[in-house]
Amino acid sequence: MAKMVSPALMPPATDAPLYLAVGGKEQEGFHEQHQLIKENWGKRVAGEFACPDDDHFTILNTLADPNSALFKGALKMMGHVS
């Protein structure tokens, strides 16, 4: 059932660019899914953000930090380039 709803195994629904981030402190399964998405979504992957000190609980703190690459990347994706 999980494989049927995994975005890593689904074709992209649109041509919209995809940006990826995975925490460096995540378990191996998260890194494997990240790699599968990169491989399966190919050229639609427009970029990646390194979050070496994060896991899926702390990455939101990084997203909310105006000094982080993840925060700045999110603003850029929304067209708010500073």
PDB file of N, CA and C in Angstrom:
ATOM      1  N   MET A   1       0.824  -1.187   0.000  1.00  0.00           N
ATOM      2  CA  MET A   1       0.000   0.000   0.000  1.00  0.00           C
ATOM      3  C   MET A   1       0.879   1.267   0.000  1.00  0.00           C
ATOM      4  N   ALA A   2       1.934   1.248   0.811  1.00  0.00           N
ATOM      5  CA  ALA A   2       2.802   2.427   0.894  1.00  0.00           C
ATOM      6  C   ALA A   2       3.469   2.728  -0.439  1.00  0.00           C
ATOM      7  N   LYS A   3       3.871   1.702  -1.176  1.00  0.00           N
ATOM      8  CA  LYS A   3       4.510   1.914  -2.472  1.00  0.00           C
ATOM      9  C   LYS A   3       3.555   2.574  -3.463  1.00  0.00           C
ATOM     10  N   MET A   4       2.267   2.285  -3.344  1.00  0.00           N
ATOM     11  CA  MET A   4       1.285   2.855  -4.272  1.00  0.00           C
ATOM     12  C   MET A   4       1.143   4.365  -4.100  1.00  0.00           C
ATOM     13  N   VAL A   5       1.429   4.887  -2.925  1.00  0.00           N
ATOM     14  CA  VAL A   5       1.249   6.322  -2.677  1.00  0.00           C
ATOM     15  C   VAL A   5       2.577   7.057  -2.485  1.00  0.00           C
ATOM     16  N   SER A   6       3.675   6.384  -2.726  1.00  0.00           N
ATOM     17  CA  SER A   6       4.980   7.013  -2.562  1.00  0.00           C
ATOM     18  C   SER A   6       5.279   7.962  -3.715  1.00  0.00           C
ATOM     19  N   PRO A   7       5.550   9.237  -3.434  1.00  0.00           N
ATOM     20  CA  PRO A   7       5.902  10.162  -4.516  1.00  0.00           C
ATOM     21  C   PRO A   7       7.192   9.760  -5.226  1.00  0.00           C
ATOM     22  N   ALA A   8       8.041   9.016  -4.542  1.00  0.00           N
ATOM     23  CA  ALA A   8       9.292   8.568  -5.162  1.00  0.00           C
ATOM     24  C   ALA A   8       9.037   7.612  -6.312  1.00  0.00           C
ATOM     25  N   LEU A   9       7.895   6.940  -6.282  1.00  0.00           N
ATOM     26  CA  LEU A   9       7.599   5.945  -7.311  1.00  0.00           C
ATOM     27  C   LEU A   9       6.517   6.391  -8.281  1.00  0.00           C
ATOM     28  N   MET A  10       5.967   7.569  -8.085  1.00  0.00           N
ATOM     29  CA  MET A  10       4.936   8.106  -8.976  1.00  0.00           C
ATOM     30  C   MET A  10       5.566   8.992 -10.041  1.00  0.00           C
ATOM     31  N   PRO A  11       4.978   9.052 -11.207  1.00  0.00           N
ATOM     32  CA  PRO A  11       5.470  10.022 -12.189  1.00  0.00           C
ATOM     33  C   PRO A  11       5.040  11.424 -11.755  1.00  0.00           C
ATOM     34  N   PRO A  12       5.819  12.429 -12.110  1.00  0.00           N
ATOM     35  CA  PRO A  12       5.420  13.799 -11.772  1.00  0.00           C
ATOM     36  C   PRO A  12       4.075  14.141 -12.407  1.00  0.00           C
ATOM     37  N   ALA A  13       3.247  14.869 -11.678  1.00  0.00           N
ATOM     38  CA  ALA A  13       1.923  15.246 -12.178  1.00  0.00           C
ATOM     39  C   ALA A  13       1.988  16.448 -13.114  1.00  0.00           C
ATOM     40  N   THR A  14       3.053  17.249 -13.006  1.00  0.00           N
ATOM     41  CA  THR A  14       3.204  18.445 -13.837  1.00  0.00           C
ATOM     42  C   THR A  14       4.671  18.597 -14.238  1.00  0.00           C
ATOM     43  N   ASP A  15       4.943  19.651 -14.978  1.00  0.00           N
ATOM     44  CA  ASP A  15       6.324  19.984 -15.331  1.00  0.00           C
ATOM     45  C   ASP A  15       6.931  20.975 -14.342  1.00  0.00           C
ATOM     46  N   ALA A  16       6.241  21.238 -13.248  1.00  0.00           N
ATOM     47  CA  ALA A  16       6.732  22.194 -12.256  1.00  0.00           C
ATOM     48  C   ALA A  16       8.068  21.718 -11.695  1.00  0.00           C
ATOM     49  N   PRO A  17       8.982  22.652 -11.408  1.00  0.00           N
ATOM     50  CA  PRO A  17      10.266  22.256 -10.834  1.00  0.00           C
ATOM     51  C   PRO A  17      10.086  21.730  -9.414  1.00  0.00           C
ATOM     52  N   LEU A  18      10.942  20.811  -9.034  1.00  0.00           N
ATOM     53  CA  LEU A  18      10.921  20.223  -7.699  1.00  0.00           C
ATOM     54  C   LEU A  18      12.240  20.526  -7.015  1.00  0.00           C
ATOM     55  N   TYR A  19      12.162  20.997  -5.797  1.00  0.00           N
ATOM     56  CA  TYR A  19      13.342  21.244  -4.974  1.00  0.00           C
ATOM     57  C   TYR A  19      13.316  20.259  -3.819  1.00  0.00           C
ATOM     58  N   LEU A  20      14.460  19.688  -3.505  1.00  0.00           N
ATOM     59  CA  LEU A  20      14.556  18.649  -2.495  1.00  0.00           C
ATOM     60  C   LEU A  20      15.420  19.075  -1.316  1.00  0.00           C
ATOM     61  N   ALA A  21      15.077  18.560  -0.157  1.00  0.00           N
ATOM     62  CA  ALA A  21      15.905  18.721   1.037  1.00  0.00           C
ATOM     63  C   ALA A  21      15.734  17.467   1.876  1.00  0.00           C
ATOM     64  N   VAL A  22      16.832  17.017   2.441  1.00  0.00           N
ATOM     65  CA  VAL A  22      16.777  15.887   3.374  1.00  0.00           C
ATOM     66  C   VAL A  22      17.780  16.181   4.484  1.00  0.00           C
ATOM     67  N   GLY A  23      17.374  15.891   5.688  1.00  0.00           N
ATOM     68  CA  GLY A  23      18.242  16.143   6.829  1.00  0.00           C
ATOM     69  C   GLY A  23      19.396  15.163   6.892  1.00  0.00           C
ATOM     70  N   GLY A  24      20.560  15.664   7.224  1.00  0.00           N
ATOM     71  CA  GLY A  24      21.739  14.819   7.362  1.00  0.00           C
ATOM     72  C   GLY A  24      21.636  13.839   8.510  1.00  0.00           C
ATOM     73  N   LYS A  25      20.758  14.129   9.456  1.00  0.00           N
ATOM     74  CA  LYS A  25      20.591  13.253  10.616  1.00  0.00           C
ATOM     75  C   LYS A  25      19.400  12.313  10.472  1.00  0.00           C
ATOM     76  N   GLU A  26      18.893  12.193   9.251  1.00  0.00           N
ATOM     77  CA  GLU A  26      17.769  11.291   9.000  1.00  0.00           C
ATOM     78  C   GLU A  26      18.231   9.843   8.943  1.00  0.00           C
ATOM     79  N   GLN A  27      17.293   8.934   9.155  1.00  0.00           N
ATOM     80  CA  GLN A  27      17.571   7.519   8.992  1.00  0.00           C
ATOM     81  C   GLN A  27      17.768   7.222   7.506  1.00  0.00           C
ATOM     82  N   GLU A  28      18.399   6.110   7.225  1.00  0.00           N
ATOM     83  CA  GLU A  28      18.758   5.750   5.847  1.00  0.00           C
ATOM     84  C   GLU A  28      17.559   5.746   4.902  1.00  0.00           C
ATOM     85  N   GLY A  29      16.390   5.338   5.373  1.00  0.00           N
ATOM     86  CA  GLY A  29      15.210   5.283   4.519  1.00  0.00           C
ATOM     87  C   GLY A  29      14.851   6.620   3.905  1.00  0.00           C
ATOM     88  N   PHE A  30      15.034   7.695   4.653  1.00  0.00           N
ATOM     89  CA  PHE A  30      14.750   9.031   4.119  1.00  0.00           C
ATOM     90  C   PHE A  30      15.742   9.383   3.012  1.00  0.00           C
ATOM     91  N   HIS A  31      16.995   8.998   3.196  1.00  0.00           N
ATOM     92  CA  HIS A  31      18.011   9.272   2.174  1.00  0.00           C
ATOM     93  C   HIS A  31      17.762   8.423   0.925  1.00  0.00           C
ATOM     94  N   GLU A  32      17.310   7.207   1.124  1.00  0.00           N
ATOM     95  CA  GLU A  32      16.988   6.350  -0.021  1.00  0.00           C
ATOM     96  C   GLU A  32      15.813   6.928  -0.814  1.00  0.00           C
ATOM     97  N   GLN A  33      14.792   7.402  -0.115  1.00  0.00           N
ATOM     98  CA  GLN A  33      13.652   7.996  -0.805  1.00  0.00           C
ATOM     99  C   GLN A  33      14.079   9.261  -1.553  1.00  0.00           C
ATOM    100  N   HIS A  34      14.915  10.063  -0.943  1.00  0.00           N
ATOM    101  CA  HIS A  34      15.448  11.273  -1.574  1.00  0.00           C
ATOM    102  C   HIS A  34      16.146  10.904  -2.887  1.00  0.00           C
ATOM    103  N   GLN A  35      16.986   9.879  -2.849  1.00  0.00           N
ATOM    104  CA  GLN A  35      17.722   9.450  -4.043  1.00  0.00           C
ATOM    105  C   GLN A  35      16.780   8.907  -5.108  1.00  0.00           C
ATOM    106  N   LEU A  36      15.771   8.140  -4.696  1.00  0.00           N
ATOM    107  CA  LEU A  36      14.790   7.618  -5.653  1.00  0.00           C
ATOM    108  C   LEU A  36      14.041   8.737  -6.359  1.00  0.00           C
ATOM    109  N   ILE A  37      13.641   9.749  -5.611  1.00  0.00           N
ATOM    110  CA  ILE A  37      12.945  10.888  -6.220  1.00  0.00           C
ATOM    111  C   ILE A  37      13.867  11.568  -7.229  1.00  0.00           C
ATOM    112  N   LYS A  38      15.130  11.794  -6.852  1.00  0.00           N
ATOM    113  CA  LYS A  38      16.084  12.412  -7.784  1.00  0.00           C
ATOM    114  C   LYS A  38      16.200  11.605  -9.070  1.00  0.00           C
ATOM    115  N   GLU A  39      16.310  10.307  -8.923  1.00  0.00           N
ATOM    116  CA  GLU A  39      16.475   9.454 -10.104  1.00  0.00           C
ATOM    117  C   GLU A  39      15.201   9.395 -10.943  1.00  0.00           C
ATOM    118  N   ASN A  40      14.063   9.232 -10.309  1.00  0.00           N
ATOM    119  CA  ASN A  40      12.812   9.042 -11.039  1.00  0.00           C
ATOM    120  C   ASN A  40      12.224  10.333 -11.602  1.00  0.00           C
ATOM    121  N   TRP A  41      12.505  11.454 -10.985  1.00  0.00           N
ATOM    122  CA  TRP A  41      11.929  12.715 -11.440  1.00  0.00           C
ATOM    123  C   TRP A  41      12.878  13.482 -12.351  1.00  0.00           C
ATOM    124  N   GLY A  42      14.111  13.018 -12.460  1.00  0.00           N
ATOM    125  CA  GLY A  42      15.072  13.540 -13.431  1.00  0.00           C
ATOM    126  C   GLY A  42      15.176  15.043 -13.509  1.00  0.00           C
ATOM    127  N   LYS A  43      14.966  15.563 -14.727  1.00  0.00           N
ATOM    128  CA  LYS A  43      15.192  16.992 -14.974  1.00  0.00           C
ATOM    129  C   LYS A  43      14.210  17.898 -14.241  1.00  0.00           C
ATOM    130  N   ARG A  44      13.155  17.349 -13.690  1.00  0.00           N
ATOM    131  CA  ARG A  44      12.227  18.183 -12.913  1.00  0.00           C
ATOM    132  C   ARG A  44      12.810  18.583 -11.565  1.00  0.00           C
ATOM    133  N   VAL A  45      13.840  17.864 -11.124  1.00  0.00           N
ATOM    134  CA  VAL A  45      14.522  18.250  -9.885  1.00  0.00           C
ATOM    135  C   VAL A  45      15.385  19.462 -10.216  1.00  0.00           C
ATOM    136  N   ALA A  46      14.941  20.608  -9.705  1.00  0.00           N
ATOM    137  CA  ALA A  46      15.592  21.876 -10.040  1.00  0.00           C
ATOM    138  C   ALA A  46      16.698  22.253  -9.059  1.00  0.00           C
ATOM    139  N   GLY A  47      16.725  21.603  -7.918  1.00  0.00           N
ATOM    140  CA  GLY A  47      17.753  21.922  -6.942  1.00  0.00           C
ATOM    141  C   GLY A  47      17.571  21.137  -5.660  1.00  0.00           C
ATOM    142  N   GLU A  48      18.621  21.213  -4.842  1.00  0.00           N
ATOM    143  CA  GLU A  48      18.618  20.534  -3.547  1.00  0.00           C
ATOM    144  C   GLU A  48      19.190  21.475  -2.499  1.00  0.00           C
ATOM    145  N   PHE A  49      18.728  21.300  -1.289  1.00  0.00           N
ATOM    146  CA  PHE A  49      19.227  22.096  -0.175  1.00  0.00           C
ATOM    147  C   PHE A  49      19.821  21.159   0.866  1.00  0.00           C
ATOM    148  N   ALA A  50      21.059  21.420   1.220  1.00  0.00           N
ATOM    149  CA  ALA A  50      21.731  20.623   2.240  1.00  0.00           C
ATOM    150  C   ALA A  50      21.251  21.061   3.616  1.00  0.00           C
ATOM    151  N   CYS A  51      20.889  20.100   4.424  1.00  0.00           N
ATOM    152  CA  CYS A  51      20.461  20.356   5.807  1.00  0.00           C
ATOM    153  C   CYS A  51      21.176  19.342   6.703  1.00  0.00           C
ATOM    154  N   PRO A  52      22.497  19.460   6.809  1.00  0.00           N
ATOM    155  CA  PRO A  52      23.301  18.424   7.462  1.00  0.00           C
ATOM    156  C   PRO A  52      23.002  18.220   8.942  1.00  0.00           C
ATOM    157  N   ASP A  53      22.485  19.227   9.619  1.00  0.00           N
ATOM    158  CA  ASP A  53      22.254  19.123  11.061  1.00  0.00           C
ATOM    159  C   ASP A  53      20.809  18.811  11.416  1.00  0.00           C
ATOM    160  N   ASP A  54      19.999  18.437  10.422  1.00  0.00           N
ATOM    161  CA  ASP A  54      18.567  18.285  10.660  1.00  0.00           C
ATOM    162  C   ASP A  54      18.061  16.861  10.483  1.00  0.00           C
ATOM    163  N   ASP A  55      16.882  16.640  11.082  1.00  0.00           N
ATOM    164  CA  ASP A  55      16.059  15.476  10.814  1.00  0.00           C
ATOM    165  C   ASP A  55      14.661  16.007  10.503  1.00  0.00           C
ATOM    166  N   HIS A  56      13.683  15.124  10.345  1.00  0.00           N
ATOM    167  CA  HIS A  56      12.358  15.598   9.930  1.00  0.00           C
ATOM    168  C   HIS A  56      11.628  16.379  11.021  1.00  0.00           C
ATOM    169  N   PHE A  57      12.154  16.395  12.231  1.00  0.00           N
ATOM    170  CA  PHE A  57      11.569  17.224  13.282  1.00  0.00           C
ATOM    171  C   PHE A  57      12.188  18.622  13.287  1.00  0.00           C
ATOM    172  N   THR A  58      13.498  18.714  13.091  1.00  0.00           N
ATOM    173  CA  THR A  58      14.188  19.999  13.212  1.00  0.00           C
ATOM    174  C   THR A  58      14.272  20.778  11.906  1.00  0.00           C
ATOM    175  N   ILE A  59      14.002  20.144  10.775  1.00  0.00           N
ATOM    176  CA  ILE A  59      14.166  20.834   9.494  1.00  0.00           C
ATOM    177  C   ILE A  59      13.236  22.037   9.365  1.00  0.00           C
ATOM    178  N   LEU A  60      12.105  22.003  10.063  1.00  0.00           N
ATOM    179  CA  LEU A  60      11.198  23.157  10.020  1.00  0.00           C
ATOM    180  C   LEU A  60      11.811  24.360  10.724  1.00  0.00           C
ATOM    181  N   ASN A  61      12.631  24.127  11.731  1.00  0.00           N
ATOM    182  CA  ASN A  61      13.347  25.237  12.366  1.00  0.00           C
ATOM    183  C   ASN A  61      14.319  25.865  11.378  1.00  0.00           C
ATOM    184  N   THR A  62      14.967  25.034  10.582  1.00  0.00           N
ATOM    185  CA  THR A  62      15.889  25.529   9.561  1.00  0.00           C
ATOM    186  C   THR A  62      15.125  26.305   8.490  1.00  0.00           C
ATOM    187  N   LEU A  63      13.973  25.804   8.101  1.00  0.00           N
ATOM    188  CA  LEU A  63      13.152  26.511   7.120  1.00  0.00           C
ATOM    189  C   LEU A  63      12.733  27.883   7.640  1.00  0.00           C
ATOM    190  N   ALA A  64      12.522  28.008   8.931  1.00  0.00           N
ATOM    191  CA  ALA A  64      12.089  29.277   9.525  1.00  0.00           C
ATOM    192  C   ALA A  64      13.254  30.217   9.843  1.00  0.00           C
ATOM    193  N   ASP A  65      14.479  29.768   9.676  1.00  0.00           N
ATOM    194  CA  ASP A  65      15.660  30.580   9.989  1.00  0.00           C
ATOM    195  C   ASP A  65      16.043  31.426   8.775  1.00  0.00           C
ATOM    196  N   PRO A  66      15.871  32.757   8.858  1.00  0.00           N
ATOM    197  CA  PRO A  66      16.159  33.627   7.712  1.00  0.00           C
ATOM    198  C   PRO A  66      17.602  33.547   7.208  1.00  0.00           C
ATOM    199  N   ASN A  67      18.508  33.013   8.013  1.00  0.00           N
ATOM    200  CA  ASN A  67      19.906  32.911   7.599  1.00  0.00           C
ATOM    201  C   ASN A  67      20.229  31.580   6.924  1.00  0.00           C
ATOM    202  N   SER A  68      19.277  30.655   6.883  1.00  0.00           N
ATOM    203  CA  SER A  68      19.558  29.335   6.317  1.00  0.00           C
ATOM    204  C   SER A  68      19.389  29.323   4.797  1.00  0.00           C
ATOM    205  N   ALA A  69      20.125  28.426   4.164  1.00  0.00           N
ATOM    206  CA  ALA A  69      20.003  28.245   2.715  1.00  0.00           C
ATOM    207  C   ALA A  69      18.602  27.756   2.354  1.00  0.00           C
ATOM    208  N   LEU A  70      17.990  26.965   3.223  1.00  0.00           N
ATOM    209  CA  LEU A  70      16.648  26.452   2.963  1.00  0.00           C
ATOM    210  C   LEU A  70      15.628  27.590   2.942  1.00  0.00           C
ATOM    211  N   PHE A  71      15.708  28.485   3.891  1.00  0.00           N
ATOM    212  CA  PHE A  71      14.815  29.651   3.941  1.00  0.00           C
ATOM    213  C   PHE A  71      15.004  30.517   2.700  1.00  0.00           C
ATOM    214  N   LYS A  72      16.257  30.826   2.380  1.00  0.00           N
ATOM    215  CA  LYS A  72      16.554  31.669   1.225  1.00  0.00           C
ATOM    216  C   LYS A  72      16.115  31.001  -0.078  1.00  0.00           C
ATOM    217  N   GLY A  73      16.291  29.682  -0.155  1.00  0.00           N
ATOM    218  CA  GLY A  73      15.850  28.953  -1.327  1.00  0.00           C
ATOM    219  C   GLY A  73      14.342  28.974  -1.480  1.00  0.00           C
ATOM    220  N   ALA A  74      13.618  28.858  -0.367  1.00  0.00           N
ATOM    221  CA  ALA A  74      12.158  28.909  -0.415  1.00  0.00           C
ATOM    222  C   ALA A  74      11.693  30.275  -0.908  1.00  0.00           C
ATOM    223  N   LEU A  75      12.328  31.342  -0.431  1.00  0.00           N
ATOM    224  CA  LEU A  75      11.976  32.686  -0.907  1.00  0.00           C
ATOM    225  C   LEU A  75      12.246  32.820  -2.409  1.00  0.00           C
ATOM    226  N   LYS A  76      13.374  32.290  -2.844  1.00  0.00           N
ATOM    227  CA  LYS A  76      13.723  32.358  -4.266  1.00  0.00           C
ATOM    228  C   LYS A  76      12.685  31.611  -5.106  1.00  0.00           C
ATOM    229  N   MET A  77      12.252  30.439  -4.635  1.00  0.00           N
ATOM    230  CA  MET A  77      11.237  29.675  -5.371  1.00  0.00           C
ATOM    231  C   MET A  77       9.937  30.457  -5.501  1.00  0.00           C
ATOM    232  N   MET A  78       9.644  31.307  -4.509  1.00  0.00           N
ATOM    233  CA  MET A  78       8.423  32.112  -4.530  1.00  0.00           C
ATOM    234  C   MET A  78       8.604  33.424  -5.276  1.00  0.00           C
ATOM    235  N   GLY A  79       9.815  33.663  -5.795  1.00  0.00           N
ATOM    236  CA  GLY A  79      10.070  34.882  -6.544  1.00  0.00           C
ATOM    237  C   GLY A  79      10.487  36.056  -5.709  1.00  0.00           C
ATOM    238  N   HIS A  80      10.822  35.825  -4.453  1.00  0.00           N
ATOM    239  CA  HIS A  80      11.259  36.881  -3.544  1.00  0.00           C
ATOM    240  C   HIS A  80      12.766  36.834  -3.406  1.00  0.00           C
ATOM    241  N   VAL A  81      13.458  37.297  -4.422  1.00  0.00           N
ATOM    242  CA  VAL A  81      14.919  37.257  -4.417  1.00  0.00           C
ATOM    243  C   VAL A  81      15.423  38.540  -3.789  1.00  0.00           C
ATOM    244  N   SER A  82      16.334  38.373  -2.830  1.00  0.00           N
ATOM    245  CA  SER A  82      16.905  39.577  -2.189  1.00  0.00           C
ATOM    246  C   SER A  82      18.395  39.652  -2.423  1.00  0.00           C
TER     247      SER A  82
END
